[in-house]
């Protein structure tokens, strides 16, 4: 695989489950409303990948990238990016990744307003994307 997701925590862990699809991993947030917090660790297995972790509620069975209202990717430019509407971007400083290193991703999502903030951290510090 392109990457490995570990240490998955949500604001209501009993209703979250990580499922794998042929092209992506998806965390379905069952029955959660309002503001949700999701933390997970991700380790890219190699550099220059196109790996996406998407977050959805349980009513969505994704079949394409645009099905994810929230998604974070490790892209071929070796940067973490978050999806904003139909594009992936970093709104702040560049946030690079390296193969074999583990990063903690924290997502604070307002499901009702369909907005979210993402932080990526490693022992070298935290960056907001």
Foldseek 3Di string as FASTA:
>chain_A
DQKDKDDKDKPCVVQWDWDDDPQAIEIAREPDAFKMKIKIKMAGQAAQDWYKYAYYHPVFDDDDPLSGLWMWTCHRVQFIWIDDNHDTDFPDDTHGDGHPFMKMKMWIAHVVVSDIWIWIDDPVGIDTD
